[in-house]
């Protein structure tokens, strides 16, 4: 028999994207908010690659139904439909510790892979101030940081499958479908040009709420664990999920490389590792 055997192209890949913290630097009067109560020090954008979104959705719904009817949670406000919290969808910040334990146990049974980009907003603030020195007309917007992180997060992830469905947690009332699609296409084009890649499979961007997309509930749990590691140096939740984490980029820890520090399965992210970087973070941002 002669001739090459065609390698089948994998079918659609599904990602679910959400954030931890906010990309806001200033209040409505231009006052710096970073570091003040209620404003996060770090902004994190995370993506969860889910192999079987339908199965994940079914099992999360079944778990929630079981917990809501469990007598142990009788009269707990977050478990009542009118509380608009756990009874409607899982959200790590609002869920009881007993609920979080159940959700984490379920997530560990699924074939998912989590990746994230982390930005130190004090470093972003320093960049904005330098930019204003050279261009007084420049005005920072939170979408600028968000879209930049989308491009970096997906730069190398959009060329190996037949198509992509990328579900973003809806932010506010504005429809940013076109802007996010442009950011993803831009990221892919840049990577394709660097590597000589010719494949350009279709990308579907879906803005949604976690009530409608269970994958957003799942990525929220990964983000909550990662945020606690950065903001509180508490890493026990992240360590629980680490086997399902493929890449965490601390983009502003540039002690060794200008593009940041990469944490992988071979180089786990821990609270101890972040404490080592704390002195560097405390220096005047460059």
Protein backbone atom coordinates (compact mmCIF):
# COMPACT_ATOMS: atom_id res chain seq x y z
CA UNK A 1 0.00 0.00 0.00
CA UNK A 2 1.39 3.43 -0.88
CA UNK A 3 0.51 6.99 -0.07
CA UNK A 4 0.37 8.98 3.13
CA UNK A 5 -2.20 8.28 5.79
CA UNK A 6 -4.07 11.44 6.72
CA UNK A 7 -3.86 12.37 10.38
CA UNK A 8 -7.38 13.14 11.65
CA UNK A 9 -7.91 16.62 13.03
CA UNK A 10 -9.46 16.60 16.51
CA UNK A 11 -12.97 17.99 16.69
CA UNK A 12 -14.14 21.10 18.51
CA UNK A 13 -12.23 22.28 21.56
CA UNK A 14 -14.17 24.00 24.36
CA UNK A 15 -12.71 26.63 26.68
CA UNK A 16 -14.39 28.48 29.52
CA UNK A 17 -12.91 31.84 30.51
CA UNK A 18 -13.41 33.94 33.62
CA UNK A 19 -11.50 36.35 35.82
CA UNK A 20 -10.53 36.82 39.45
CA UNK A 21 -10.14 40.33 40.77
CA UNK A 22 -10.92 43.30 38.57
CA UNK A 23 -8.81 45.08 35.93
CA UNK A 24 -9.74 48.46 37.44
CA UNK A 25 -6.91 50.78 38.52
CA UNK A 26 -8.71 54.08 39.15
CA UNK A 27 -12.04 55.24 40.51
CA UNK A 28 -14.35 57.61 38.62
CA UNK A 29 -12.30 60.61 39.80
CA UNK A 30 -8.97 59.17 38.70
CA UNK A 31 -7.82 58.16 42.16
CA UNK A 32 -5.70 55.02 42.36
CA UNK A 33 -7.72 52.15 43.86
CA UNK A 34 -5.10 49.38 43.83
CA UNK A 35 -4.35 48.26 47.37
CA UNK A 36 -7.43 49.88 48.89
CA UNK A 37 -10.06 47.73 50.65
CA UNK A 38 -12.28 46.03 48.11
CA UNK A 39 -9.82 46.35 45.22
CA UNK A 40 -7.63 43.36 44.42
CA UNK A 41 -3.83 43.61 44.13
CA UNK A 42 -3.82 41.05 41.31
CA UNK A 43 -5.92 40.55 38.21
CA UNK A 44 -6.15 36.99 36.91
CA UNK A 45 -7.60 35.66 33.67
CA UNK A 46 -8.11 31.91 33.52
CA UNK A 47 -9.23 29.40 30.90
CA UNK A 48 -10.48 25.88 31.52
CA UNK A 49 -10.12 23.35 28.71
CA UNK A 50 -13.02 20.93 29.24
CA UNK A 51 -13.00 17.62 27.38
CA UNK A 52 -16.68 16.80 27.98
CA UNK A 53 -18.69 19.95 28.78
CA UNK A 54 -22.05 18.15 28.67
CA UNK A 55 -21.02 15.55 31.24
CA UNK A 56 -19.56 18.23 33.50
CA UNK A 57 -22.79 20.26 33.30
CA UNK A 58 -24.94 17.25 34.13
CA UNK A 59 -22.85 16.21 37.11
CA UNK A 60 -22.66 19.72 38.56
CA UNK A 61 -26.44 20.07 38.22
CA UNK A 62 -26.98 16.70 39.90
CA UNK A 63 -24.64 17.63 42.73
CA UNK A 64 -26.37 20.96 43.30
CA UNK A 65 -29.80 19.28 43.35
CA UNK A 66 -28.58 16.78 45.93
CA UNK A 67 -27.04 19.43 48.16
CA UNK A 68 -30.03 21.76 48.03
CA UNK A 69 -32.31 18.97 49.31
CA UNK A 70 -29.85 17.76 51.95
CA UNK A 71 -31.33 18.34 55.46
CA UNK A 72 -27.85 19.39 56.61
CA UNK A 73 -28.27 22.64 54.64
CA UNK A 74 -31.87 23.31 55.70
CA UNK A 75 -32.52 27.04 56.14
CA UNK A 76 -29.05 28.04 54.89
CA UNK A 77 -29.73 31.30 52.96
CA UNK A 78 -27.33 30.55 50.09
CA UNK A 79 -29.10 27.22 49.46
CA UNK A 80 -32.51 28.82 48.91
CA UNK A 81 -33.53 29.87 45.37
CA UNK A 82 -34.42 33.37 46.54
CA UNK A 83 -30.85 33.76 47.80
CA UNK A 84 -29.68 33.64 44.17
CA UNK A 85 -26.46 31.87 45.13
CA UNK A 86 -25.63 28.16 45.45
CA UNK A 87 -29.20 27.08 44.73
CA UNK A 88 -28.80 28.55 41.23
CA UNK A 89 -25.12 27.90 40.47
CA UNK A 90 -21.83 27.15 42.19
CA UNK A 91 -19.63 30.14 43.00
CA UNK A 92 -16.63 29.46 45.19
CA UNK A 93 -16.68 32.80 47.03
CA UNK A 94 -20.32 32.39 48.06
CA UNK A 95 -20.47 28.63 48.63
CA UNK A 96 -20.14 27.08 52.07
CA UNK A 97 -16.89 25.23 52.83
CA UNK A 98 -18.82 21.94 52.86
CA UNK A 99 -20.14 22.73 49.38
CA UNK A 100 -16.71 23.69 48.08
CA UNK A 101 -15.33 20.36 49.25
CA UNK A 102 -17.96 18.51 47.24
CA UNK A 103 -17.38 20.59 44.11
CA UNK A 104 -13.63 20.15 44.25
CA UNK A 105 -14.06 16.38 44.64
CA UNK A 106 -16.24 16.35 41.52
CA UNK A 107 -13.88 18.52 39.47
CA UNK A 108 -10.94 16.23 40.24
CA UNK A 109 -12.80 13.40 38.48
CA UNK A 110 -12.96 15.28 35.17
CA UNK A 111 -10.48 15.64 32.32
CA UNK A 112 -9.96 19.40 32.43
CA UNK A 113 -6.87 21.58 32.10
CA UNK A 114 -6.54 25.03 33.64
CA UNK A 115 -4.29 27.84 32.47
CA UNK A 116 -4.07 31.43 33.71
CA UNK A 117 -2.23 34.73 33.36
CA UNK A 118 -1.65 36.77 36.53
CA UNK A 119 -0.89 40.50 36.53
CA UNK A 120 0.29 42.56 39.47
CA UNK A 121 -1.76 45.74 39.16
CA UNK A 122 0.94 47.84 40.82
CA UNK A 123 3.17 46.95 37.87
CA UNK A 124 0.37 47.72 35.44
CA UNK A 125 -0.11 51.07 37.19
CA UNK A 126 3.57 51.85 36.75
CA UNK A 127 3.29 51.10 33.03
CA UNK A 128 0.26 53.37 32.71
CA UNK A 129 2.10 56.26 34.40
CA UNK A 130 5.13 55.85 32.13
CA UNK A 131 2.82 55.81 29.11
CA UNK A 132 1.15 59.02 30.29
CA UNK A 133 4.54 60.72 30.54
CA UNK A 134 5.18 60.16 26.84
CA UNK A 135 1.56 60.48 25.70
CA UNK A 136 -0.55 62.80 27.92
CA UNK A 137 -3.66 61.91 25.90
CA UNK A 138 -3.43 58.22 26.78
CA UNK A 139 -6.19 56.92 29.05
CA UNK A 140 -6.13 53.45 30.53
CA UNK A 141 -9.28 51.33 30.28
CA UNK A 142 -9.90 47.99 32.02
CA UNK A 143 -10.72 46.38 28.65
CA UNK A 144 -7.20 47.20 27.48
CA UNK A 145 -5.68 44.94 30.15
CA UNK A 146 -8.36 42.26 29.72
CA UNK A 147 -7.89 41.99 25.95
CA UNK A 148 -4.10 41.94 26.24
CA UNK A 149 -4.35 39.00 28.63
CA UNK A 150 -6.80 37.21 26.32
CA UNK A 151 -4.26 37.47 23.49
CA UNK A 152 -1.45 36.15 25.65
CA UNK A 153 -3.51 33.35 27.19
CA UNK A 154 -4.67 31.98 23.82
CA UNK A 155 -1.74 32.78 21.56
CA UNK A 156 -0.59 29.16 21.22
CA UNK A 157 -3.93 27.38 21.68
CA UNK A 158 -5.99 28.00 18.56
CA UNK A 159 -4.52 25.97 15.71
CA UNK A 160 -4.65 22.22 16.50
CA UNK A 161 -8.40 21.46 16.48
CA UNK A 162 -11.15 21.58 13.88
CA UNK A 163 -12.96 24.46 15.60
CA UNK A 164 -13.06 26.31 18.91
CA UNK A 165 -15.88 27.35 21.19
CA UNK A 166 -14.68 29.86 23.77
CA UNK A 167 -17.21 30.80 26.40
CA UNK A 168 -16.46 34.03 28.27
CA UNK A 169 -18.14 35.00 31.52
CA UNK A 170 -20.24 38.03 30.69
CA UNK A 171 -18.80 41.30 32.11
CA UNK A 172 -21.38 44.04 32.59
CA UNK A 173 -23.94 44.90 29.95
CA UNK A 174 -21.71 45.68 26.98
CA UNK A 175 -21.53 43.14 24.17
CA UNK A 176 -17.82 42.57 23.61
CA UNK A 177 -18.15 39.53 21.36
CA UNK A 178 -16.54 41.26 18.39
CA UNK A 179 -13.68 42.72 20.44
CA UNK A 180 -12.89 39.36 22.01
CA UNK A 181 -13.07 37.60 18.65
CA UNK A 182 -10.63 40.16 17.23
CA UNK A 183 -8.27 39.61 20.18
CA UNK A 184 -8.29 35.84 19.66
CA UNK A 185 -7.77 36.07 15.90
CA UNK A 186 -4.94 38.57 16.42
CA UNK A 187 -3.24 36.23 18.89
CA UNK A 188 -3.52 33.28 16.52
CA UNK A 189 -2.28 35.24 13.51
CA UNK A 190 0.80 36.39 15.40
CA UNK A 191 1.66 32.87 16.52
CA UNK A 192 0.94 31.43 13.07
CA UNK A 193 3.27 33.96 11.46
CA UNK A 194 6.03 33.09 13.92
CA UNK A 195 5.70 29.33 13.37
CA UNK A 196 4.61 29.16 9.74
CA UNK A 197 1.23 27.65 10.61
CA UNK A 198 -1.44 27.76 7.93
CA UNK A 199 -4.43 26.27 9.81
CA UNK A 200 -7.12 28.81 10.73
CA UNK A 201 -10.05 26.87 12.21
CA UNK A 202 -13.23 28.80 13.07
CA UNK A 203 -13.58 30.40 16.50
CA UNK A 204 -16.96 30.84 18.16
CA UNK A 205 -17.05 33.36 21.02
CA UNK A 206 -19.95 32.89 23.43
CA UNK A 207 -20.64 35.41 26.22
CA UNK A 208 -22.66 33.74 28.96
CA UNK A 209 -23.51 33.59 32.64
CA UNK A 210 -22.50 30.71 34.95
CA UNK A 211 -26.17 29.82 35.37
CA UNK A 212 -26.29 28.86 31.71
CA UNK A 213 -22.76 27.49 31.30
CA UNK A 214 -21.56 25.07 33.95
CA UNK A 215 -18.00 25.30 32.64
CA UNK A 216 -17.91 28.85 33.98
CA UNK A 217 -18.76 27.52 37.44
CA UNK A 218 -15.85 25.10 37.15
CA UNK A 219 -13.28 27.68 36.02
CA UNK A 220 -14.44 29.97 38.85
CA UNK A 221 -13.37 27.30 41.35
CA UNK A 222 -9.89 27.10 39.83
CA UNK A 223 -9.62 30.90 39.81
CA UNK A 224 -10.72 31.17 43.44
CA UNK A 225 -7.97 28.74 44.46
CA UNK A 226 -5.36 30.64 42.44
CA UNK A 227 -6.48 34.03 43.73
CA UNK A 228 -6.19 32.88 47.36
CA UNK A 229 -2.66 31.75 46.63
CA UNK A 230 -1.65 35.18 45.31
CA UNK A 231 -3.70 37.43 47.58
CA UNK A 232 -3.52 35.44 50.85
CA UNK A 233 -0.60 33.04 50.32
CA UNK A 234 -2.96 30.15 51.06
CA UNK A 235 -2.26 27.39 48.57
CA UNK A 236 -4.00 24.27 49.89
CA UNK A 237 -6.90 24.58 47.43
CA UNK A 238 -4.57 25.14 44.48
CA UNK A 239 -2.44 22.15 45.46
CA UNK A 240 -5.56 20.02 45.42
CA UNK A 241 -6.16 21.00 41.78
CA UNK A 242 -2.55 21.21 40.63
CA UNK A 243 -2.59 17.93 38.65
CA UNK A 244 -5.20 19.63 36.40
CA UNK A 245 -3.23 22.86 35.97
CA UNK A 246 -1.16 23.06 32.78
CA UNK A 247 0.34 26.56 32.96
CA UNK A 248 0.18 29.54 35.32
CA UNK A 249 2.04 32.64 34.15
CA UNK A 250 3.09 35.18 36.78
CA UNK A 251 3.66 37.86 34.15
CA UNK A 252 5.17 40.44 36.50
CA UNK A 253 7.70 38.23 38.26
CA UNK A 254 10.44 39.05 35.77
CA UNK A 255 13.42 38.27 37.98
CA UNK A 256 14.69 35.58 35.59
CA UNK A 257 12.88 36.26 32.30
CA UNK A 258 11.32 39.38 30.88
CA UNK A 259 8.12 37.54 29.95
CA UNK A 260 7.51 36.44 33.54
CA UNK A 261 7.69 33.23 35.54
CA UNK A 262 6.00 30.04 34.30
CA UNK A 263 4.58 27.46 36.69
CA UNK A 264 3.86 23.98 35.32
CA UNK A 265 3.35 20.45 36.60
CA UNK A 266 7.14 20.15 36.79
CA UNK A 267 7.44 23.50 38.60
CA UNK A 268 4.43 23.86 40.94
CA UNK A 269 3.17 27.21 42.14
CA UNK A 270 3.21 27.41 45.93
CA UNK A 271 2.75 30.07 48.58
CA UNK A 272 6.43 29.66 49.42
CA UNK A 273 7.41 30.46 45.82
CA UNK A 274 5.33 33.63 45.90
CA UNK A 275 6.84 34.72 49.20
CA UNK A 276 10.27 34.50 47.59
CA UNK A 277 9.04 36.94 44.94
CA UNK A 278 7.45 39.31 47.45
CA UNK A 279 10.60 41.34 48.00
CA UNK A 280 10.93 41.85 44.28
CA UNK A 281 7.28 42.92 44.03
CA UNK A 282 7.77 45.41 46.88
CA UNK A 283 10.51 47.23 45.00
CA UNK A 284 9.61 50.27 42.95
CA UNK A 285 7.93 48.83 39.82
CA UNK A 286 10.07 49.09 36.70
